[in-house]
Structures are given as structure tokens and as C-alpha cells.
Amino acid sequence: MKKLSLGVVFVFALLLVATGAAPAVAGENVTPDEIVAKCKEASAYLIEKGDAAVAEFSDPNSRWVWKDTYVFVYDCAKGECVGNITPGLVGKKIEDIKDANGKPVGIELCEIANDPGKPDGWWIEFVWRNPKTGEMKPKLSYIYRASGAKYTVGAGIYSPEGITAADLNAKLGAK
């Protein structure tokens, strides 16, 4: 009976992982290409569902939190963060959102969103608290707002080794 129970639990766990219903496995690292794809998916989702969908991006158990990252949402016209799993950021004004070194990240990402010369998005570098480890780490985030979209979305990589925003932006330009 014990073997049967363990087998059932194992099969159930595999189904959860295969369907995406289980949280990501610790140590799984997201790639820049996955981030770009997920941000574009999030932007399309927000265009389709509108304001009612924004709260999903503050839920740490939503599909917008995966592997070792998450999608965040800004309303640059309103000038504030509207969706983020980081406590205290939702509702915060963009001019008050700064990294650990005082860099005005909120302002920078809204400038990117409003730049017609960056229709495919743009990568930025800053220092941010990793919500999984609690440590301040270098972070590269991809910022994207689809044409005509109300919301700007982003997601990032913590402590990237051998990757710079310049490298990733050059790759965007090559597409």
C-alpha cells in the first residue's frame, strides 16, 4: 500500500509540474529569450483583459511568476507601479522607485516605454532585492510596452554572469 501511495503522489506531482500548476523548481534560471516572450505575452494579455487583469501580476502564485523571475506592471501615464510581487511597490509613484544605489528605475523604465525608437522593448541594469533570496543583486530587466497598450511590463534576471544590457539590446536590434 505504501508503494502505491508513493506512486500516486509521484504521478500527481509530475502532472502538476507538466501542467504548470506547481511552483517552479528552485534553481531553475530563466533565459533572456524567455523573458522577452513572457513580457510580450503579458502585454497582449493586459490589452485583451484590461484593468481587471492587473491584480494577477501582484500574486506570487500566478502564472506571471515563473522559474526565478516575475513580470511587473507599470502605468506610466498614471505614474505608478500597478502590479508587482515585491511588497510595497504597488501604488508607489515612479519617481520614488529607485534601486539600492539610488538609480531612478521607475523613471527610466517609463522613459523607455514612451520612446518610439524602442518598439521592441529595451534592457536596463540596476540593483534590486531578489524576492526569493532577500539579497540585493545586480538585475537586468527587459521593459516592453506594445503599441497602443496602456501598461508597461517587465521581467528580469538576477546576478547575470557575462551578460550586459548592451549585449541584450544589440540582440534586440538584430531581429
N, C-alpha and C. Protein backbone atom coordinates (compact mmCIF):
# COMPACT_ATOMS: atom_id res chain seq x y z
N MET A 1 0.82 -1.21 0.00
CA MET A 1 0.00 0.00 0.00
C MET A 1 0.87 1.27 0.00
N LYS A 2 1.97 1.20 0.77
CA LYS A 2 2.86 2.35 0.85
C LYS A 2 3.46 2.68 -0.52
N LYS A 3 3.85 1.62 -1.30
CA LYS A 3 4.41 1.82 -2.63
C LYS A 3 3.37 2.45 -3.56
N LEU A 4 2.13 1.99 -3.45
CA LEU A 4 1.06 2.53 -4.28
C LEU A 4 0.83 4.00 -3.96
N SER A 5 0.82 4.36 -2.68
CA SER A 5 0.61 5.76 -2.27
C SER A 5 1.73 6.65 -2.78
N LEU A 6 2.97 6.17 -2.65
CA LEU A 6 4.10 6.96 -3.14
C LEU A 6 4.03 7.11 -4.66
N GLY A 7 3.63 6.07 -5.34
CA GLY A 7 3.49 6.13 -6.80
C GLY A 7 2.44 7.13 -7.22
N VAL A 8 1.31 7.15 -6.52
CA VAL A 8 0.23 8.10 -6.83
C VAL A 8 0.72 9.53 -6.59
N VAL A 9 1.42 9.75 -5.48
CA VAL A 9 1.95 11.08 -5.17
C VAL A 9 2.93 11.51 -6.25
N PHE A 10 3.81 10.60 -6.68
CA PHE A 10 4.79 10.92 -7.70
C PHE A 10 4.11 11.30 -9.02
N VAL A 11 3.14 10.51 -9.45
CA VAL A 11 2.42 10.80 -10.69
C VAL A 11 1.69 12.14 -10.58
N PHE A 12 1.05 12.40 -9.45
CA PHE A 12 0.35 13.67 -9.24
C PHE A 12 1.33 14.84 -9.31
N ALA A 13 2.49 14.70 -8.68
CA ALA A 13 3.50 15.76 -8.72
C ALA A 13 3.97 16.01 -10.15
N LEU A 14 4.18 14.95 -10.90
CA LEU A 14 4.59 15.11 -12.30
C LEU A 14 3.52 15.85 -13.11
N LEU A 15 2.27 15.52 -12.87
CA LEU A 15 1.18 16.21 -13.57
C LEU A 15 1.14 17.69 -13.23
N LEU A 16 1.36 18.02 -11.96
CA LEU A 16 1.37 19.43 -11.56
C LEU A 16 2.48 20.19 -12.27
N VAL A 17 3.66 19.61 -12.31
CA VAL A 17 4.79 20.28 -12.97
C VAL A 17 4.53 20.38 -14.47
N ALA A 18 4.05 19.31 -15.09
CA ALA A 18 3.82 19.31 -16.53
C ALA A 18 2.77 20.31 -16.97
N THR A 19 1.77 20.53 -16.12
CA THR A 19 0.70 21.46 -16.49
C THR A 19 0.99 22.89 -16.06
N GLY A 20 2.08 23.10 -15.32
CA GLY A 20 2.41 24.45 -14.86
C GLY A 20 1.64 24.85 -13.62
N ALA A 21 0.94 23.90 -12.99
CA ALA A 21 0.15 24.21 -11.80
C ALA A 21 1.01 24.21 -10.54
N ALA A 22 2.21 23.70 -10.63
CA ALA A 22 3.11 23.68 -9.47
C ALA A 22 4.09 24.84 -9.58
N PRO A 23 4.55 25.36 -8.44
CA PRO A 23 5.54 26.43 -8.50
C PRO A 23 6.83 25.94 -9.16
N ALA A 24 7.58 26.85 -9.69
CA ALA A 24 8.83 26.49 -10.36
C ALA A 24 9.81 25.88 -9.37
N VAL A 25 10.69 25.05 -9.88
CA VAL A 25 11.69 24.41 -9.07
C VAL A 25 12.79 25.42 -8.76
N ALA A 26 13.21 25.45 -7.51
CA ALA A 26 14.28 26.36 -7.12
C ALA A 26 15.52 26.02 -7.94
N GLY A 27 16.25 27.03 -8.34
CA GLY A 27 17.46 26.83 -9.10
C GLY A 27 17.25 26.87 -10.60
N GLU A 28 16.02 26.85 -11.05
CA GLU A 28 15.74 26.95 -12.48
C GLU A 28 15.92 28.39 -12.91
N ASN A 29 16.82 28.64 -13.84
CA ASN A 29 17.11 30.00 -14.27
C ASN A 29 16.41 30.33 -15.59
N VAL A 30 15.82 31.50 -15.62
CA VAL A 30 15.15 31.97 -16.83
C VAL A 30 16.19 32.49 -17.82
N THR A 31 15.86 32.43 -19.10
CA THR A 31 16.76 32.96 -20.13
C THR A 31 16.22 34.31 -20.62
N PRO A 32 17.09 35.13 -21.21
CA PRO A 32 16.61 36.40 -21.77
C PRO A 32 15.50 36.20 -22.81
N ASP A 33 15.61 35.19 -23.65
CA ASP A 33 14.57 34.95 -24.65
C ASP A 33 13.23 34.61 -24.00
N GLU A 34 13.26 33.85 -22.92
CA GLU A 34 12.02 33.52 -22.20
C GLU A 34 11.39 34.77 -21.60
N ILE A 35 12.24 35.67 -21.10
CA ILE A 35 11.74 36.92 -20.52
C ILE A 35 11.05 37.76 -21.60
N VAL A 36 11.68 37.92 -22.73
CA VAL A 36 11.09 38.71 -23.82
C VAL A 36 9.74 38.10 -24.22
N ALA A 37 9.69 36.78 -24.40
CA ALA A 37 8.45 36.12 -24.80
C ALA A 37 7.36 36.29 -23.75
N LYS A 38 7.71 36.15 -22.47
CA LYS A 38 6.72 36.25 -21.39
C LYS A 38 6.21 37.69 -21.27
N CYS A 39 7.08 38.67 -21.45
CA CYS A 39 6.65 40.07 -21.39
C CYS A 39 5.69 40.40 -22.54
N LYS A 40 5.98 39.90 -23.71
CA LYS A 40 5.08 40.14 -24.84
C LYS A 40 3.74 39.44 -24.63
N GLU A 41 3.78 38.24 -24.04
CA GLU A 41 2.55 37.53 -23.70
C GLU A 41 1.75 38.32 -22.66
N ALA A 42 2.43 38.84 -21.64
CA ALA A 42 1.78 39.62 -20.59
C ALA A 42 1.15 40.89 -21.15
N SER A 43 1.86 41.56 -22.05
CA SER A 43 1.34 42.78 -22.65
C SER A 43 0.08 42.48 -23.46
N ALA A 44 0.11 41.42 -24.25
CA ALA A 44 -1.07 41.03 -25.04
C ALA A 44 -2.24 40.67 -24.12
N TYR A 45 -1.94 39.99 -23.03
CA TYR A 45 -2.97 39.60 -22.06
C TYR A 45 -3.62 40.84 -21.44
N LEU A 46 -2.80 41.81 -21.07
CA LEU A 46 -3.33 43.05 -20.48
C LEU A 46 -4.15 43.85 -21.49
N ILE A 47 -3.75 43.84 -22.74
CA ILE A 47 -4.54 44.52 -23.78
C ILE A 47 -5.90 43.85 -23.90
N GLU A 48 -5.89 42.51 -23.89
CA GLU A 48 -7.14 41.76 -24.05
C GLU A 48 -8.05 41.88 -22.82
N LYS A 49 -7.49 41.72 -21.62
CA LYS A 49 -8.30 41.65 -20.39
C LYS A 49 -8.49 43.00 -19.70
N GLY A 50 -7.61 43.94 -19.96
CA GLY A 50 -7.75 45.27 -19.38
C GLY A 50 -7.42 45.36 -17.89
N ASP A 51 -7.96 46.40 -17.26
CA ASP A 51 -7.64 46.71 -15.87
C ASP A 51 -7.90 45.55 -14.92
N ALA A 52 -8.91 44.73 -15.21
CA ALA A 52 -9.28 43.62 -14.31
C ALA A 52 -8.15 42.60 -14.16
N ALA A 53 -7.24 42.54 -15.11
CA ALA A 53 -6.15 41.54 -15.07
C ALA A 53 -4.94 42.00 -14.28
N VAL A 54 -4.85 43.28 -13.97
CA VAL A 54 -3.63 43.83 -13.35
C VAL A 54 -3.30 43.16 -12.01
N ALA A 55 -4.30 42.87 -11.19
CA ALA A 55 -4.05 42.27 -9.87
C ALA A 55 -3.32 40.94 -9.94
N GLU A 56 -3.48 40.21 -11.02
CA GLU A 56 -2.80 38.92 -11.17
C GLU A 56 -1.27 39.07 -11.07
N PHE A 57 -0.76 40.20 -11.47
CA PHE A 57 0.68 40.41 -11.50
C PHE A 57 1.27 40.70 -10.12
N SER A 58 0.41 40.83 -9.10
CA SER A 58 0.87 41.00 -7.72
C SER A 58 0.71 39.72 -6.92
N ASP A 59 0.22 38.67 -7.56
CA ASP A 59 0.00 37.38 -6.90
C ASP A 59 1.24 36.50 -7.10
N PRO A 60 1.96 36.18 -6.02
CA PRO A 60 3.18 35.37 -6.16
C PRO A 60 2.91 33.94 -6.65
N ASN A 61 1.65 33.54 -6.69
CA ASN A 61 1.31 32.20 -7.16
C ASN A 61 0.72 32.21 -8.58
N SER A 62 0.77 33.35 -9.25
CA SER A 62 0.18 33.45 -10.59
C SER A 62 1.15 32.89 -11.64
N ARG A 63 0.64 32.75 -12.84
CA ARG A 63 1.47 32.28 -13.95
C ARG A 63 2.53 33.29 -14.35
N TRP A 64 2.45 34.50 -13.82
CA TRP A 64 3.41 35.56 -14.17
C TRP A 64 4.65 35.51 -13.29
N VAL A 65 4.68 34.57 -12.36
CA VAL A 65 5.86 34.30 -11.53
C VAL A 65 6.32 32.91 -11.95
N TRP A 66 7.51 32.81 -12.52
CA TRP A 66 7.98 31.52 -13.01
C TRP A 66 9.49 31.45 -12.89
N LYS A 67 9.99 30.24 -12.84
CA LYS A 67 11.42 29.98 -12.66
C LYS A 67 11.95 30.88 -11.56
N ASP A 68 12.91 31.76 -11.89
CA ASP A 68 13.49 32.62 -10.86
C ASP A 68 13.17 34.10 -11.11
N THR A 69 12.01 34.38 -11.71
CA THR A 69 11.65 35.77 -12.01
C THR A 69 10.14 35.97 -11.99
N TYR A 70 9.72 37.16 -12.33
CA TYR A 70 8.30 37.53 -12.33
C TYR A 70 8.10 38.72 -13.26
N VAL A 71 6.86 38.89 -13.74
CA VAL A 71 6.52 40.04 -14.57
C VAL A 71 5.97 41.14 -13.65
N PHE A 72 6.42 42.37 -13.87
CA PHE A 72 5.88 43.52 -13.13
C PHE A 72 5.20 44.46 -14.12
N VAL A 73 4.29 45.31 -13.60
CA VAL A 73 3.47 46.15 -14.47
C VAL A 73 3.47 47.59 -13.96
N TYR A 74 3.66 48.53 -14.89
CA TYR A 74 3.61 49.96 -14.58
C TYR A 74 2.57 50.64 -15.46
N ASP A 75 1.91 51.63 -14.90
CA ASP A 75 1.04 52.51 -15.67
C ASP A 75 1.79 53.83 -15.74
N CYS A 76 2.53 54.03 -16.81
CA CYS A 76 3.39 55.22 -16.92
C CYS A 76 2.59 56.51 -17.07
N ALA A 77 1.41 56.43 -17.67
CA ALA A 77 0.57 57.63 -17.80
C ALA A 77 0.10 58.09 -16.41
N LYS A 78 -0.19 57.13 -15.57
CA LYS A 78 -0.62 57.42 -14.19
C LYS A 78 0.59 57.69 -13.29
N GLY A 79 1.76 57.20 -13.74
CA GLY A 79 2.99 57.43 -12.99
C GLY A 79 3.18 56.54 -11.79
N GLU A 80 2.74 55.26 -11.89
CA GLU A 80 2.94 54.37 -10.73
C GLU A 80 3.03 52.90 -11.12
N CYS A 81 3.57 52.14 -10.18
CA CYS A 81 3.62 50.69 -10.30
C CYS A 81 2.23 50.16 -9.96
N VAL A 82 1.69 49.29 -10.80
CA VAL A 82 0.35 48.77 -10.56
C VAL A 82 0.32 47.26 -10.37
N GLY A 83 1.41 46.55 -10.64
CA GLY A 83 1.46 45.11 -10.44
C GLY A 83 2.87 44.64 -10.18
N ASN A 84 3.10 44.04 -8.99
CA ASN A 84 4.44 43.58 -8.63
C ASN A 84 4.33 42.69 -7.40
N ILE A 85 5.14 41.63 -7.34
CA ILE A 85 5.12 40.77 -6.16
C ILE A 85 5.97 41.32 -5.02
N THR A 86 6.74 42.38 -5.28
CA THR A 86 7.57 42.99 -4.23
C THR A 86 6.67 43.82 -3.31
N PRO A 87 6.63 43.47 -2.02
CA PRO A 87 5.77 44.22 -1.09
C PRO A 87 6.10 45.71 -1.09
N GLY A 88 5.05 46.53 -1.09
CA GLY A 88 5.20 47.97 -1.01
C GLY A 88 5.38 48.70 -2.32
N LEU A 89 5.52 47.99 -3.43
CA LEU A 89 5.73 48.68 -4.70
C LEU A 89 4.44 49.07 -5.40
N VAL A 90 3.40 48.26 -5.27
CA VAL A 90 2.14 48.58 -5.95
C VAL A 90 1.58 49.87 -5.37
N GLY A 91 1.28 50.82 -6.25
CA GLY A 91 0.78 52.13 -5.85
C GLY A 91 1.87 53.16 -5.65
N LYS A 92 3.11 52.74 -5.69
CA LYS A 92 4.23 53.66 -5.50
C LYS A 92 4.46 54.47 -6.77
N LYS A 93 4.72 55.74 -6.63
CA LYS A 93 4.98 56.64 -7.75
C LYS A 93 6.32 56.32 -8.40
N ILE A 94 6.38 56.47 -9.71
CA ILE A 94 7.60 56.08 -10.43
C ILE A 94 8.83 56.86 -9.97
N GLU A 95 8.65 58.11 -9.61
CA GLU A 95 9.81 58.90 -9.19
C GLU A 95 10.37 58.43 -7.85
N ASP A 96 9.59 57.64 -7.11
CA ASP A 96 10.04 57.12 -5.81
C ASP A 96 10.60 55.71 -5.91
N ILE A 97 10.61 55.13 -7.10
CA ILE A 97 11.11 53.76 -7.26
C ILE A 97 12.56 53.84 -7.73
N LYS A 98 13.45 53.53 -6.79
CA LYS A 98 14.89 53.62 -7.04
C LYS A 98 15.55 52.32 -6.62
N ASP A 99 16.66 52.00 -7.25
CA ASP A 99 17.37 50.78 -6.89
C ASP A 99 18.20 51.01 -5.63
N ALA A 100 18.95 49.99 -5.22
CA ALA A 100 19.74 50.06 -3.98
C ALA A 100 20.80 51.15 -4.01
N ASN A 101 21.19 51.59 -5.21
CA ASN A 101 22.19 52.65 -5.35
C ASN A 101 21.57 54.02 -5.63
N GLY A 102 20.25 54.11 -5.57
CA GLY A 102 19.56 55.38 -5.80
C GLY A 102 19.22 55.67 -7.25
N LYS A 103 19.47 54.73 -8.14
CA LYS A 103 19.15 54.91 -9.56
C LYS A 103 17.62 54.99 -9.73
N PRO A 104 17.11 55.99 -10.46
CA PRO A 104 15.65 56.15 -10.63
C PRO A 104 15.07 55.16 -11.65
N VAL A 105 14.93 53.91 -11.23
CA VAL A 105 14.50 52.83 -12.11
C VAL A 105 13.09 53.08 -12.66
N GLY A 106 12.17 53.55 -11.83
CA GLY A 106 10.80 53.80 -12.28
C GLY A 106 10.75 54.81 -13.41
N ILE A 107 11.49 55.88 -13.27
CA ILE A 107 11.53 56.91 -14.32
C ILE A 107 12.16 56.34 -15.59
N GLU A 108 13.26 55.61 -15.43
CA GLU A 108 13.95 55.05 -16.60
C GLU A 108 13.05 54.10 -17.39
N LEU A 109 12.33 53.24 -16.69
CA LEU A 109 11.51 52.28 -17.45
C LEU A 109 10.34 52.96 -18.15
N CYS A 110 9.81 54.02 -17.57
CA CYS A 110 8.73 54.74 -18.26
C CYS A 110 9.27 55.55 -19.44
N GLU A 111 10.49 56.05 -19.33
CA GLU A 111 11.11 56.73 -20.47
C GLU A 111 11.29 55.76 -21.64
N ILE A 112 11.70 54.53 -21.33
CA ILE A 112 11.85 53.50 -22.36
C ILE A 112 10.50 53.19 -23.00
N ALA A 113 9.49 53.04 -22.17
CA ALA A 113 8.14 52.71 -22.66
C ALA A 113 7.61 53.78 -23.60
N ASN A 114 7.98 55.02 -23.37
CA ASN A 114 7.49 56.13 -24.17
C ASN A 114 8.40 56.49 -25.35
N ASP A 115 9.49 55.75 -25.51
CA ASP A 115 10.46 56.03 -26.57
C ASP A 115 10.05 55.32 -27.86
N PRO A 116 9.63 56.07 -28.89
CA PRO A 116 9.22 55.43 -30.15
C PRO A 116 10.37 54.71 -30.85
N GLY A 117 11.58 54.99 -30.46
CA GLY A 117 12.74 54.33 -31.04
C GLY A 117 13.02 52.95 -30.43
N LYS A 118 12.17 52.53 -29.46
CA LYS A 118 12.36 51.23 -28.81
C LYS A 118 11.08 50.40 -28.86
N PRO A 119 10.54 50.18 -30.08
CA PRO A 119 9.27 49.45 -30.18
C PRO A 119 9.36 47.98 -29.80
N ASP A 120 10.58 47.42 -29.79
CA ASP A 120 10.77 46.01 -29.42
C ASP A 120 11.17 45.84 -27.96
N GLY A 121 11.09 46.93 -27.19
CA GLY A 121 11.49 46.87 -25.80
C GLY A 121 12.96 47.23 -25.62
N TRP A 122 13.43 47.13 -24.37
CA TRP A 122 14.80 47.52 -24.06
C TRP A 122 15.20 46.92 -22.73
N TRP A 123 16.47 46.59 -22.59
CA TRP A 123 17.00 46.04 -21.34
C TRP A 123 17.67 47.14 -20.53
N ILE A 124 17.48 47.11 -19.21
CA ILE A 124 18.15 48.06 -18.30
C ILE A 124 18.84 47.27 -17.19
N GLU A 125 19.83 47.92 -16.56
CA GLU A 125 20.59 47.30 -15.47
C GLU A 125 20.39 48.11 -14.19
N PHE A 126 20.22 47.40 -13.08
CA PHE A 126 20.12 48.05 -11.78
C PHE A 126 20.34 47.03 -10.68
N VAL A 127 20.31 47.46 -9.43
CA VAL A 127 20.49 46.57 -8.28
C VAL A 127 19.16 46.49 -7.54
N TRP A 128 18.67 45.25 -7.33
CA TRP A 128 17.34 45.05 -6.76
C TRP A 128 17.33 43.87 -5.80
N ARG A 129 16.41 43.88 -4.86
CA ARG A 129 16.27 42.77 -3.91
C ARG A 129 15.62 41.58 -4.62
N ASN A 130 16.30 40.45 -4.59
CA ASN A 130 15.74 39.22 -5.14
C ASN A 130 14.70 38.70 -4.15
N PRO A 131 13.43 38.60 -4.56
CA PRO A 131 12.39 38.19 -3.61
C PRO A 131 12.54 36.76 -3.10
N LYS A 132 13.27 35.92 -3.82
CA LYS A 132 13.45 34.53 -3.37
C LYS A 132 14.56 34.40 -2.35
N THR A 133 15.61 35.24 -2.47
CA THR A 133 16.76 35.12 -1.55
C THR A 133 16.82 36.26 -0.53
N GLY A 134 16.15 37.37 -0.84
CA GLY A 134 16.22 38.54 0.03
C GLY A 134 17.48 39.36 -0.15
N GLU A 135 18.38 38.92 -1.01
CA GLU A 135 19.64 39.62 -1.21
C GLU A 135 19.54 40.68 -2.29
N MET A 136 20.29 41.77 -2.12
CA MET A 136 20.42 42.78 -3.16
C MET A 136 21.36 42.23 -4.21
N LYS A 137 20.90 42.20 -5.46
CA LYS A 137 21.68 41.61 -6.54
C LYS A 137 21.60 42.48 -7.79
N PRO A 138 22.63 42.42 -8.64
CA PRO A 138 22.52 43.08 -9.94
C PRO A 138 21.38 42.41 -10.71
N LYS A 139 20.63 43.21 -11.45
CA LYS A 139 19.50 42.69 -12.21
C LYS A 139 19.46 43.34 -13.58
N LEU A 140 19.16 42.54 -14.59
CA LEU A 140 18.88 43.04 -15.93
C LEU A 140 17.40 42.83 -16.15
N SER A 141 16.68 43.88 -16.52
CA SER A 141 15.24 43.75 -16.80
C SER A 141 14.91 44.22 -18.20
N TYR A 142 14.05 43.45 -18.83
CA TYR A 142 13.52 43.79 -20.14
C TYR A 142 12.24 44.59 -19.92
N ILE A 143 12.14 45.73 -20.58
CA ILE A 143 10.98 46.63 -20.45
C ILE A 143 10.27 46.66 -21.79
N TYR A 144 8.94 46.50 -21.76
CA TYR A 144 8.19 46.43 -23.02
C TYR A 144 6.78 47.01 -22.86
N ARG A 145 6.41 47.80 -23.85
CA ARG A 145 5.01 48.23 -23.97
C ARG A 145 4.63 48.12 -25.43
N ALA A 146 3.62 47.28 -25.68
CA ALA A 146 3.15 47.09 -27.05
C ALA A 146 2.53 48.38 -27.56
N SER A 147 2.55 48.56 -28.85
CA SER A 147 1.96 49.74 -29.48
C SER A 147 0.49 49.86 -29.06
N GLY A 148 0.12 51.01 -28.56
CA GLY A 148 -1.26 51.27 -28.15
C GLY A 148 -1.63 50.70 -26.79
N ALA A 149 -0.71 50.03 -26.11
CA ALA A 149 -1.00 49.42 -24.81
C ALA A 149 -1.00 50.48 -23.70
N LYS A 150 -1.84 50.27 -22.71
CA LYS A 150 -1.91 51.16 -21.55
C LYS A 150 -0.76 50.86 -20.58
N TYR A 151 -0.42 49.59 -20.45
CA TYR A 151 0.54 49.18 -19.42
C TYR A 151 1.90 48.82 -19.99
N THR A 152 2.92 49.11 -19.20
CA THR A 152 4.29 48.73 -19.49
C THR A 152 4.61 47.52 -18.61
N VAL A 153 5.25 46.50 -19.18
CA VAL A 153 5.60 45.31 -18.42
C VAL A 153 7.10 45.11 -18.45
N GLY A 154 7.58 44.33 -17.51
CA GLY A 154 8.99 43.99 -17.48
C GLY A 154 9.21 42.73 -16.67
N ALA A 155 10.37 42.14 -16.84
CA ALA A 155 10.81 40.99 -16.06
C ALA A 155 12.33 40.96 -16.16
N GLY A 156 12.98 40.28 -15.23
CA GLY A 156 14.44 40.33 -15.26
C GLY A 156 15.17 39.11 -14.79
N ILE A 157 16.48 39.21 -14.88
CA ILE A 157 17.43 38.17 -14.50
C ILE A 157 18.26 38.72 -13.35
N TYR A 158 18.36 37.97 -12.26
CA TYR A 158 19.21 38.36 -11.14
C TYR A 158 20.61 37.80 -11.31
N SER A 159 21.61 38.61 -10.96
CA SER A 159 23.02 38.22 -10.97
C SER A 159 23.47 37.55 -12.26
N PRO A 160 23.20 38.17 -13.38
CA PRO A 160 23.63 37.54 -14.64
C PRO A 160 25.14 37.59 -14.77
N GLU A 161 25.72 36.48 -15.18
CA GLU A 161 27.17 36.45 -15.37
C GLU A 161 27.49 36.50 -16.86
N GLY A 162 28.33 37.43 -17.23
CA GLY A 162 28.77 37.52 -18.61
C GLY A 162 27.73 38.10 -19.56
N ILE A 163 26.65 38.66 -19.03
CA ILE A 163 25.61 39.25 -19.87
C ILE A 163 25.45 40.71 -19.46
N THR A 164 25.35 41.61 -20.42
CA THR A 164 25.10 43.01 -20.11
C THR A 164 23.84 43.47 -20.85
N ALA A 165 23.28 44.56 -20.39
CA ALA A 165 22.13 45.15 -21.07
C ALA A 165 22.51 45.52 -22.51
N ALA A 166 23.72 46.03 -22.70
CA ALA A 166 24.18 46.39 -24.04
C ALA A 166 24.17 45.18 -24.98
N ASP A 167 24.63 44.02 -24.48
CA ASP A 167 24.61 42.80 -25.29
C ASP A 167 23.19 42.43 -25.69
N LEU A 168 22.29 42.47 -24.73
CA LEU A 168 20.91 42.07 -24.98
C LEU A 168 20.18 43.08 -25.89
N ASN A 169 20.50 44.37 -25.71
CA ASN A 169 19.90 45.38 -26.58
C ASN A 169 20.40 45.25 -28.02
N ALA A 170 21.66 44.88 -28.19
CA ALA A 170 22.21 44.66 -29.53
C ALA A 170 21.48 43.49 -30.21
N LYS A 171 21.16 42.48 -29.41
CA LYS A 171 20.43 41.33 -29.94
C LYS A 171 19.02 41.73 -30.37
N LEU A 172 18.38 42.62 -29.60
CA LEU A 172 17.04 43.12 -29.97
C LEU A 172 17.10 43.83 -31.31
N GLY A 173 18.15 44.62 -31.49
CA GLY A 173 18.31 45.38 -32.73
C GLY A 173 18.57 44.50 -33.94
N ALA A 174 19.06 43.28 -33.69
CA ALA A 174 19.38 42.38 -34.78
C ALA A 174 18.16 41.65 -35.32
N LYS A 175 17.06 41.72 -34.59
CA LYS A 175 15.85 40.98 -35.02
C LYS A 175 15.10 41.71 -36.08
